[in-house]
């Protein structure tokens, strides 16, 4: 087993690294990594329905779709992520207990009564500190999990605080859990990098063939190519979302504007605009302009850049109008 700690804190790059190691190697891997503040959504989720878009924009938080299913999680530098990539028999690949047991072993050595509970969670005193997910590629399994060590809980809550009534779709919804940081349960103070070293040392002891591996220049180039072509793109992170319906409204000095959107593959496929606003020109013209547009703020702004929005919605500016679409 090749053991890697990659020092990048960029979520696009780190998620690309997982796919690269999964698909370009035959060897087994164990990796540890951290991201700067970012939101990681499950493969089958509607990204917009999982995030507090205003908070994400204001704080420049990256939103990245991963290969595996399951729910959305928040990462920051107080969260340590671990990944196993293992080749095996197809009917024996999925095993959440197997790949989380080393984490439990390390914590129990530190005097923490950590447990596996439910489908894929690790808990302390009933509070979740680790969510886990898996993805199968041919005869290889990618298992990854979060380890909340000293994350900023207010940021986690704010980033994932989305209106559950806004969207109607068939996408997998996240189930919010009560969470806790590992650091709050340690008998002796420990920083996250020391915790990282303890886990890596334990894995090296567990697997007789374990040895350190450093990403080569060729690896880094391949990962960057995957990062640029997939993991940092709107098409993967938002456009891949399942079909959904969005119903939303915005109150303005010119009245209330209501929106009803159908979005397919991230593209506005249908839109109706209602409200008690006054207008000089008919809003159906705006509806026509937005058909086929990405459901993304800058794309909408580009479509309406040369439009005097006040003719369609009296005393309403373009920023107010766009805010109602998300």
Foldseek 3Di string as FASTA:
>chain_A
DAEEEDADQDPLLVLLLLVCCQPVDPDKYKYKYAHAWAKEAEQAAQQVQFWPVVLCVVVVHYFWYHQWGAGMFITHRQKMKMKIKDFDDPVPADDLCVVCVLVCVLLVVQVFNWDDDDDHFIDGPQATQKGKTWDDDPRMIMIMMMGRAPDDVVSRCNTRDGDNPFKDDDTDYHDDTHHDHSQVRGPDGDGPVVVVVSSSVSVPVVDVPYDYDDQDPVSSVSSVVCSVVEGRDCLSRRLSHAWMWGWFWFQAPQWIKIKIFTAHSQATQFIDIDTDGDAQDACVVLRVLRHRFGLDLVRSCVSCVPPPVCRHGPRDDPVRVSVRSD
